[in-house]
Amino acid sequence: MSGRRLTRRQVERIRELHENRRTRARERAARAADELEDLEAAEPGTVIAHYGASLIVEDAQAALHRCLVRQNLGALACGDRVLWQRARDDSGVVVALEPRRSLLARPDYSGRLKPVAANLDQVLVVIAPEPDFNEYLIDRYLAAIELIGVEAGLVVNKLDLCDADRRARLEARLGTYARIGYALLHASTRTDLGLAELRTRLGGRTSILVGQSGVGKSSLVRALLPEREIRTQALSAATGHGQHTTTTTTLYPLPDGGSLIDSPGVRSFELAELAPGELDRGFREFAPYLGHCRYGNCAHTVEPGCALLAAVGRGELDARRLDAYRQIRDAAGKRPA
């Protein structure tokens, strides 16, 4: 006999209970951190992985240390630069957070934004011919990436599934993104297509891949990180958590320089609460026309003298992208407080 299916409210309640337990665990760990004595002088480090009540910090010599966190630091993210103090057993306490140059966040069960990865240089959105992608979702990803101030690009994966005709149709659908300046990378882990180009794109930068289930993100990560298992074993030894560390957001060094943050849970992320007009910056091709509408509060919908509508009429802007902008803006306006 199959089990009774849980209602949405029951699922939310279970998630809330688990989050409350994690919060209490973090609070106990923070109190324990405040009580530690005989700590050495503060030194710089990078958060490599986060386990709720504790995290793993990499020191300047690339050694890994399990650390607790002082109570007043707030939520930390993979990739954060921190100051930490070493304890007698080579564990430690994080005592300060260095300024972030960027932060990627996603909503938790209650809709509150939760930090996932910090100090990113780029976010690459992975799509594939199967499962079919949705341009509106791509536009939402790209707008959010633009607004956190990092580079964005598209990785079209699993191209081994395409014959010449299907690939031509795929390229036509994605042509707008190339025209407005987004890198369009092609890949297949089965044939090694495009992997060298992708490695070059990642080199020297801190990056993260995002995308829907089924697009082959995990296969790309495995291909790009040949020593991933070695790193995972080192993390397991440092934490005592065992092999389930593979499900934790983790920063890995790339063979040719740079870092790749693997976050199995980041398939989507939300735009933060936006000030009026802020979403405009999320659509890079709008920049030459902003400030040229007849009305300062133009909604770019039906207003006379709208510079964006005029650009669409002249074929300078993609009408579908303008429609996606309106959908994202309207959906953000309806989000509950």
Foldseek 3Di string as FASTA:
>chain_A
DDDDDDDPVVVLVVLVVVVVVLVVLLVVLQVVQVPDDPWADKAKWFFFFDDRNWTWTQGPVRAIAIEGEHPPAPADEHGWMFIWTADPVRHTYTYGTDDFLFWAWFQDSVGDTHTYHTNFQEEEEEAEPPVPDDVLQVLQVLLQRLLRPHAYAYEYEPCVVDDPVRVVVVCVVCVQVVVLPHHYFYYYLVVRPRLVVVLVVQAATEYEYEAAPPRCPVVSVCVQCVCVVVVQVSVCVNPVPPNVCVQTFGWDATPRHHIYTYHVPHHDHHHDQDDQPSSCSSDVLCVVQPPQAPDNNDPPDDDPRRSVVVCVVVVNDPPVSVVSSNVSVVVSVPDDD
